[in-house]
Amino acid sequence: MINRRLLTTGELAEVLGISRGTLNRYVRQGLLVPTETTLRGHRRWNVEDVRRQIAEIRQRESSGE
């Protein structure tokens, strides 16, 4: 069974090899949508979901959208 634990922004940044600031900027720009946002505003991420979103962004960029 796949581990579906949601990651914090810092954990996701480490997994993806990018900074937390970059992730936060992508959210502000509307490029990424967190899997969940807690009542206190903390973002939680599913790695597979983020990888899918990034693939969609790259596909749009390569098609000139």
Protein backbone atom coordinates (compact mmCIF):
# COMPACT_ATOMS: atom_id res chain seq x y z
CA MET A 1 0.00 0.00 0.00
CA ILE A 2 1.24 3.50 -0.87
CA ASN A 3 1.99 5.80 2.04
CA ARG A 4 -0.46 8.70 1.68
CA ARG A 5 0.88 10.78 4.57
CA LEU A 6 0.62 14.47 3.86
CA LEU A 7 3.87 16.44 4.04
CA THR A 8 4.53 19.89 5.40
CA THR A 9 5.82 22.52 2.98
CA GLY A 10 9.35 22.07 4.37
CA GLU A 11 9.22 18.30 3.94
CA LEU A 12 7.90 18.63 0.40
CA ALA A 13 10.58 21.16 -0.49
CA GLU A 14 13.23 18.72 0.70
CA VAL A 15 11.72 15.84 -1.31
CA LEU A 16 11.54 17.98 -4.46
CA GLY A 17 14.93 19.66 -3.94
CA ILE A 18 13.55 23.21 -3.98
CA SER A 19 13.10 25.87 -1.31
CA ARG A 20 10.00 26.45 0.80
CA GLY A 21 9.94 29.97 -0.59
CA THR A 22 9.68 28.63 -4.13
CA LEU A 23 6.74 26.42 -3.15
CA ASN A 24 5.03 29.32 -1.41
CA ARG A 25 5.58 31.53 -4.46
CA TYR A 26 4.04 28.86 -6.73
CA VAL A 27 0.96 28.80 -4.47
CA ARG A 28 0.65 32.61 -4.50
CA GLN A 29 0.93 32.58 -8.30
CA GLY A 30 -1.78 29.92 -8.53
CA LEU A 31 0.56 27.33 -10.04
CA LEU A 32 0.25 24.79 -7.20
CA VAL A 33 -2.71 23.96 -4.99
CA PRO A 34 -2.01 22.25 -1.64
CA THR A 35 -3.80 18.99 -0.96
CA GLU A 36 -5.09 20.42 2.30
CA THR A 37 -4.85 23.61 4.33
CA THR A 38 -5.26 23.33 8.10
CA LEU A 39 -7.53 25.63 10.10
CA ARG A 40 -4.43 27.63 11.05
CA GLY A 41 -3.41 28.04 7.40
CA HIS A 42 -0.64 25.44 7.23
CA ARG A 43 -0.40 23.73 3.87
CA ARG A 44 -0.18 19.95 3.60
CA TRP A 45 0.91 18.17 0.46
CA ASN A 46 0.56 14.77 -1.19
CA VAL A 47 3.75 14.19 -3.20
CA GLU A 48 2.01 12.37 -6.06
CA ASP A 49 -0.54 15.19 -6.36
CA VAL A 50 2.21 17.83 -6.52
CA ARG A 51 4.16 15.86 -9.12
CA ARG A 52 0.98 15.64 -11.22
CA GLN A 53 0.45 19.40 -10.92
CA ILE A 54 4.07 20.10 -11.90
CA ALA A 55 3.73 17.79 -14.93
CA GLU A 56 0.60 19.69 -16.00
CA ILE A 57 2.44 23.03 -15.62
CA ARG A 58 5.33 21.77 -17.76
CA GLN A 59 2.92 20.43 -20.37
CA ARG A 60 1.14 23.81 -20.60
CA GLU A 61 4.47 25.61 -20.85
CA SER A 62 5.71 23.32 -23.63
CA SER A 63 2.47 23.80 -25.60
CA GLY A 64 2.81 27.59 -25.35
CA GLU A 65 -0.15 28.29 -23.07
